[in-house]
Amino acid sequence: MNGVKRINIDTGTKWEPIVGYSRAVRIGAHVYVSGTTATDGEGNIIGHCNPYLQTVKAIGNIEAAALQRTGATLNDVVRT
């Protein structure tokens, strides 16, 4: 990869090894985040029938489980 380091971010959810994905992948200065749901640490859905609460939780999950672990923040997001 031309000397560019790839870092896979796994969070230990049961689905990562089953379907073979990482929560996020950092390649150089870019971070790619997988689809993220509004679930808590036990897999319970947060904000059932409430799109606003689901969005807040999903973005919070992206920030905590993917961005912070790659050294990025929500301020670094340029595309959703």
N, C-alpha and C. Protein backbone atom coordinates (compact mmCIF):
# COMPACT_ATOMS: atom_id res chain seq x y z
N MET A 1 0.83 -1.20 0.00
CA MET A 1 0.00 0.00 0.00
C MET A 1 0.86 1.24 0.00
N ASN A 2 1.95 1.22 -0.64
CA ASN A 2 2.80 2.40 -0.76
C ASN A 2 3.23 2.97 0.59
N GLY A 3 3.42 2.13 1.59
CA GLY A 3 3.90 2.59 2.89
C GLY A 3 2.85 3.23 3.77
N VAL A 4 1.57 3.29 3.33
CA VAL A 4 0.50 3.86 4.15
C VAL A 4 0.01 2.79 5.10
N LYS A 5 -0.04 3.13 6.37
CA LYS A 5 -0.43 2.18 7.40
C LYS A 5 -1.95 2.06 7.49
N ARG A 6 -2.42 0.82 7.59
CA ARG A 6 -3.85 0.54 7.75
C ARG A 6 -4.06 0.06 9.19
N ILE A 7 -5.05 0.66 9.87
CA ILE A 7 -5.39 0.27 11.23
C ILE A 7 -6.86 -0.12 11.26
N ASN A 8 -7.15 -1.38 11.62
CA ASN A 8 -8.53 -1.84 11.77
C ASN A 8 -8.96 -1.63 13.21
N ILE A 9 -10.14 -1.07 13.41
CA ILE A 9 -10.68 -0.83 14.74
C ILE A 9 -11.82 -1.81 14.96
N ASP A 10 -11.63 -2.72 15.89
CA ASP A 10 -12.67 -3.67 16.26
C ASP A 10 -13.14 -3.34 17.67
N THR A 11 -14.44 -3.51 17.91
CA THR A 11 -14.99 -3.15 19.22
C THR A 11 -15.45 -4.35 20.04
N GLY A 12 -15.31 -5.54 19.49
CA GLY A 12 -15.67 -6.73 20.23
C GLY A 12 -17.14 -7.11 20.14
N THR A 13 -17.90 -6.47 19.25
CA THR A 13 -19.29 -6.89 19.11
C THR A 13 -19.34 -8.28 18.49
N LYS A 14 -20.43 -8.99 18.73
CA LYS A 14 -20.53 -10.37 18.24
C LYS A 14 -20.55 -10.45 16.72
N TRP A 15 -20.95 -9.38 16.04
CA TRP A 15 -21.09 -9.42 14.59
C TRP A 15 -19.77 -9.28 13.85
N GLU A 16 -18.79 -8.65 14.43
CA GLU A 16 -17.52 -8.42 13.72
C GLU A 16 -16.89 -9.73 13.24
N PRO A 17 -16.70 -10.74 14.07
CA PRO A 17 -16.10 -11.97 13.56
C PRO A 17 -17.06 -12.81 12.72
N ILE A 18 -18.37 -12.67 12.97
CA ILE A 18 -19.35 -13.48 12.23
C ILE A 18 -19.41 -13.06 10.77
N VAL A 19 -19.50 -11.75 10.53
CA VAL A 19 -19.63 -11.26 9.15
C VAL A 19 -18.35 -10.63 8.62
N GLY A 20 -17.32 -10.55 9.45
CA GLY A 20 -16.01 -10.11 8.99
C GLY A 20 -15.88 -8.65 8.63
N TYR A 21 -16.13 -7.79 9.59
CA TYR A 21 -15.93 -6.36 9.35
C TYR A 21 -15.29 -5.71 10.57
N SER A 22 -14.83 -4.50 10.38
CA SER A 22 -14.30 -3.69 11.47
C SER A 22 -15.20 -2.49 11.67
N ARG A 23 -15.30 -2.02 12.90
CA ARG A 23 -16.11 -0.83 13.20
C ARG A 23 -15.61 0.36 12.38
N ALA A 24 -14.28 0.45 12.27
CA ALA A 24 -13.68 1.53 11.49
C ALA A 24 -12.34 1.06 10.96
N VAL A 25 -11.90 1.71 9.89
CA VAL A 25 -10.59 1.45 9.33
C VAL A 25 -9.93 2.80 9.08
N ARG A 26 -8.73 2.96 9.58
CA ARG A 26 -7.96 4.17 9.32
C ARG A 26 -6.86 3.82 8.34
N ILE A 27 -6.82 4.55 7.25
CA ILE A 27 -5.76 4.40 6.25
C ILE A 27 -5.18 5.79 6.03
N GLY A 28 -3.97 5.98 6.53
CA GLY A 28 -3.36 7.30 6.46
C GLY A 28 -4.18 8.30 7.24
N ALA A 29 -4.57 9.38 6.60
CA ALA A 29 -5.33 10.45 7.25
C ALA A 29 -6.84 10.23 7.17
N HIS A 30 -7.29 9.14 6.54
CA HIS A 30 -8.72 8.90 6.33
C HIS A 30 -9.22 7.80 7.26
N VAL A 31 -10.43 8.02 7.81
CA VAL A 31 -11.08 7.03 8.65
C VAL A 31 -12.42 6.68 8.01
N TYR A 32 -12.64 5.39 7.81
CA TYR A 32 -13.89 4.89 7.23
C TYR A 32 -14.63 4.13 8.32
N VAL A 33 -15.89 4.52 8.56
CA VAL A 33 -16.68 3.94 9.65
C VAL A 33 -17.79 3.10 9.04
N SER A 34 -17.99 1.90 9.59
CA SER A 34 -19.05 1.03 9.11
C SER A 34 -20.41 1.56 9.56
N GLY A 35 -21.46 0.99 8.99
CA GLY A 35 -22.81 1.34 9.41
C GLY A 35 -22.94 1.13 10.91
N THR A 36 -23.60 2.05 11.58
CA THR A 36 -23.67 2.02 13.03
C THR A 36 -25.11 2.16 13.48
N THR A 37 -25.50 1.36 14.45
CA THR A 37 -26.87 1.38 14.93
C THR A 37 -26.96 2.07 16.30
N ALA A 38 -28.19 2.28 16.71
CA ALA A 38 -28.46 2.92 18.01
C ALA A 38 -28.61 1.85 19.07
N THR A 39 -27.52 1.19 19.40
CA THR A 39 -27.57 0.14 20.41
C THR A 39 -26.60 0.45 21.55
N ASP A 40 -26.93 -0.10 22.72
CA ASP A 40 -26.04 0.07 23.86
C ASP A 40 -25.03 -1.08 23.88
N GLY A 41 -24.22 -1.12 24.93
CA GLY A 41 -23.17 -2.12 25.03
C GLY A 41 -23.66 -3.56 25.09
N GLU A 42 -24.92 -3.76 25.45
CA GLU A 42 -25.49 -5.10 25.52
C GLU A 42 -26.27 -5.46 24.26
N GLY A 43 -26.30 -4.53 23.28
CA GLY A 43 -27.03 -4.79 22.04
C GLY A 43 -28.48 -4.38 22.05
N ASN A 44 -28.91 -3.70 23.11
CA ASN A 44 -30.30 -3.24 23.19
C ASN A 44 -30.49 -2.00 22.33
N ILE A 45 -31.61 -1.93 21.63
CA ILE A 45 -31.92 -0.76 20.80
C ILE A 45 -32.29 0.41 21.71
N ILE A 46 -31.70 1.56 21.42
CA ILE A 46 -31.98 2.79 22.15
C ILE A 46 -32.89 3.67 21.30
N GLY A 47 -33.92 4.24 21.90
CA GLY A 47 -34.79 5.17 21.18
C GLY A 47 -35.79 4.49 20.27
N HIS A 48 -36.31 3.34 20.68
CA HIS A 48 -37.29 2.62 19.87
C HIS A 48 -38.42 3.57 19.45
N CYS A 49 -38.71 3.63 18.17
CA CYS A 49 -39.75 4.49 17.58
C CYS A 49 -39.45 5.98 17.76
N ASN A 50 -38.19 6.34 17.99
CA ASN A 50 -37.83 7.74 18.15
C ASN A 50 -36.57 8.01 17.32
N PRO A 51 -36.75 8.46 16.07
CA PRO A 51 -35.61 8.66 15.18
C PRO A 51 -34.57 9.64 15.72
N TYR A 52 -34.99 10.65 16.47
CA TYR A 52 -34.04 11.61 17.03
C TYR A 52 -33.12 10.91 18.03
N LEU A 53 -33.68 10.17 18.99
CA LEU A 53 -32.86 9.49 19.98
C LEU A 53 -31.95 8.44 19.33
N GLN A 54 -32.47 7.75 18.30
CA GLN A 54 -31.66 6.77 17.60
C GLN A 54 -30.46 7.44 16.92
N THR A 55 -30.70 8.59 16.31
CA THR A 55 -29.63 9.32 15.64
C THR A 55 -28.57 9.78 16.64
N VAL A 56 -29.01 10.34 17.75
CA VAL A 56 -28.08 10.80 18.79
C VAL A 56 -27.23 9.63 19.29
N LYS A 57 -27.86 8.48 19.53
CA LYS A 57 -27.13 7.31 20.03
C LYS A 57 -26.16 6.77 18.98
N ALA A 58 -26.60 6.68 17.72
CA ALA A 58 -25.73 6.17 16.66
C ALA A 58 -24.51 7.07 16.47
N ILE A 59 -24.71 8.38 16.47
CA ILE A 59 -23.58 9.30 16.34
C ILE A 59 -22.66 9.20 17.55
N GLY A 60 -23.24 9.05 18.73
CA GLY A 60 -22.42 8.85 19.93
C GLY A 60 -21.60 7.57 19.83
N ASN A 61 -22.20 6.51 19.30
CA ASN A 61 -21.47 5.26 19.11
C ASN A 61 -20.33 5.43 18.12
N ILE A 62 -20.58 6.15 17.04
CA ILE A 62 -19.53 6.42 16.05
C ILE A 62 -18.38 7.17 16.71
N GLU A 63 -18.73 8.19 17.48
CA GLU A 63 -17.69 8.99 18.12
C GLU A 63 -16.86 8.15 19.11
N ALA A 64 -17.53 7.39 19.97
CA ALA A 64 -16.82 6.65 21.01
C ALA A 64 -16.14 5.39 20.50
N ALA A 65 -16.81 4.65 19.63
CA ALA A 65 -16.30 3.34 19.22
C ALA A 65 -15.38 3.41 18.01
N ALA A 66 -15.43 4.48 17.27
CA ALA A 66 -14.62 4.54 16.05
C ALA A 66 -13.71 5.75 16.00
N LEU A 67 -14.26 6.93 16.05
CA LEU A 67 -13.45 8.13 15.85
C LEU A 67 -12.40 8.32 16.94
N GLN A 68 -12.81 8.27 18.20
CA GLN A 68 -11.85 8.51 19.29
C GLN A 68 -10.73 7.48 19.27
N ARG A 69 -11.04 6.26 18.88
CA ARG A 69 -10.01 5.20 18.86
C ARG A 69 -9.03 5.36 17.71
N THR A 70 -9.35 6.25 16.75
CA THR A 70 -8.42 6.51 15.65
C THR A 70 -7.76 7.88 15.78
N GLY A 71 -8.07 8.60 16.86
CA GLY A 71 -7.51 9.93 17.05
C GLY A 71 -8.30 11.02 16.35
N ALA A 72 -9.50 10.70 15.88
CA ALA A 72 -10.34 11.68 15.19
C ALA A 72 -11.48 12.12 16.11
N THR A 73 -12.19 13.17 15.69
CA THR A 73 -13.37 13.66 16.41
C THR A 73 -14.48 13.91 15.42
N LEU A 74 -15.66 14.23 15.93
CA LEU A 74 -16.78 14.56 15.04
C LEU A 74 -16.46 15.80 14.19
N ASN A 75 -15.60 16.67 14.68
CA ASN A 75 -15.21 17.85 13.91
C ASN A 75 -14.43 17.48 12.65
N ASP A 76 -13.89 16.28 12.60
CA ASP A 76 -13.13 15.83 11.43
C ASP A 76 -13.99 15.22 10.35
N VAL A 77 -15.26 14.97 10.65
CA VAL A 77 -16.16 14.31 9.68
C VAL A 77 -16.48 15.27 8.54
N VAL A 78 -16.30 14.80 7.31
CA VAL A 78 -16.59 15.64 6.15
C VAL A 78 -17.68 15.04 5.27
N ARG A 79 -18.06 13.79 5.55
CA ARG A 79 -19.08 13.16 4.73
C ARG A 79 -19.79 12.10 5.57
N THR A 80 -21.14 12.05 5.43
CA THR A 80 -21.90 11.02 6.12
C THR A 80 -22.72 10.23 5.12
